C-alpha cells in the first residue's frame, strides 16, 4: 500500500440515539464531539439514528403494516379490475 493516501483508523464511540446504547469500535470518521468511555479514556463521539441495537431486523421487533387497508383503499379509489 502507498503511504500517506489512506485515512487513519482510530477508536470511535458510536451512540445509537434510538436505543440509548453506545459502541466503541474503530473508524475513520471524524467528530468534534468527545465522550469519556468506561475505561477512562476520551474518544470521538458520533451519534447515529439507528444501529443493530434498534433496527427491527436485529432486535426481532417487527412493525405491523396495514397492507389490507392499503389494498382496500386502492380498490375503492381506482375500482377493482378483473
Protein backbone atom coordinates (compact mmCIF):
# COMPACT_ATOMS: atom_id res chain seq x y z
CA UNK A 1 0.00 0.00 0.00
CA UNK A 2 1.16 3.50 -0.72
CA UNK A 3 1.86 5.56 2.34
CA UNK A 4 0.03 8.81 3.04
CA UNK A 5 -3.11 8.13 0.99
CA UNK A 6 -5.15 6.03 3.42
CA UNK A 7 -7.24 7.54 6.24
CA UNK A 8 -6.16 6.89 9.80
CA UNK A 9 -8.28 4.35 11.68
CA UNK A 10 -8.76 5.05 15.39
CA UNK A 11 -11.17 4.15 18.22
CA UNK A 12 -14.52 5.99 17.97
CA UNK A 13 -17.71 5.74 20.03
CA UNK A 14 -20.97 5.43 18.07
CA UNK A 15 -24.05 6.24 20.16
CA UNK A 16 -27.45 5.00 18.99
CA UNK A 17 -29.94 7.71 19.92
CA UNK A 18 -32.99 5.45 19.47
CA UNK A 19 -31.80 2.65 21.77
CA UNK A 20 -29.61 4.81 24.03
CA UNK A 21 -26.62 2.46 23.66
CA UNK A 22 -23.03 3.14 22.69
CA UNK A 23 -20.42 1.07 20.84
CA UNK A 24 -16.66 1.52 20.92
CA UNK A 25 -15.16 0.48 17.60
CA UNK A 26 -12.53 1.61 15.13
CA UNK A 27 -13.43 4.02 12.36
CA UNK A 28 -12.02 6.68 10.08
CA UNK A 29 -14.95 9.03 10.76
CA UNK A 30 -14.22 12.44 12.27
CA UNK A 31 -16.14 14.23 15.01
CA UNK A 32 -15.59 17.34 17.09
CA UNK A 33 -17.64 15.90 19.98
CA UNK A 34 -15.99 13.62 22.54
CA UNK A 35 -17.13 11.29 25.31
CA UNK A 36 -15.38 9.68 28.24
CA UNK A 37 -15.65 5.91 27.98
CA UNK A 38 -15.79 3.39 30.84
CA UNK A 39 -12.03 2.78 30.60
CA UNK A 40 -11.36 6.43 31.48
CA UNK A 41 -10.17 7.44 28.00
CA UNK A 42 -11.78 10.14 25.88
CA UNK A 43 -12.92 9.15 22.39
CA UNK A 44 -14.63 10.98 19.50
CA UNK A 45 -18.42 10.62 19.62
CA UNK A 46 -20.68 10.10 16.62
CA UNK A 47 -24.47 9.99 17.11
CA UNK A 48 -26.40 7.68 14.79
CA UNK A 49 -30.16 7.35 14.36
CA UNK A 50 -30.24 3.57 14.02
CA UNK A 51 -27.87 0.67 14.65
CA UNK A 52 -28.05 -3.04 15.34
CA UNK A 53 -29.36 -2.21 18.83
CA UNK A 54 -32.51 -0.55 17.48
CA UNK A 55 -33.03 -1.91 13.95
CA UNK A 56 -36.07 -4.25 13.73
CA UNK A 57 -34.13 -6.88 11.76
CA UNK A 58 -31.59 -7.35 14.55
CA UNK A 59 -33.90 -6.88 17.53
CA UNK A 60 -36.70 -9.14 16.28
CA UNK A 61 -39.30 -6.42 16.77
CA UNK A 62 -41.46 -6.07 13.71
CA UNK A 63 -43.85 -3.33 12.81
CA UNK A 64 -47.29 -4.30 11.56
CA UNK A 65 -48.05 -2.64 8.26
CA UNK A 66 -51.70 -2.30 7.37
CA UNK A 67 -51.42 -3.72 3.85
CA UNK A 68 -55.04 -4.90 3.76
CA UNK A 69 -56.23 -1.38 4.45
CA UNK A 70 -53.99 -0.02 1.74
CA UNK A 71 -55.29 -2.52 -0.80
CA UNK A 72 -58.91 -1.77 0.07
CA UNK A 73 -58.29 1.96 -0.19
CA UNK A 74 -56.66 1.47 -3.60
CA UNK A 75 -59.58 -0.64 -4.83
CA UNK A 76 -62.10 1.95 -3.62
CA UNK A 77 -60.21 4.77 -5.26
CA UNK A 78 -59.48 3.15 -8.61
CA UNK A 79 -62.01 0.33 -8.73
CA UNK A 80 -61.35 -3.35 -8.98
CA UNK A 81 -60.19 -4.67 -12.34
CA UNK A 82 -60.95 -8.22 -13.46
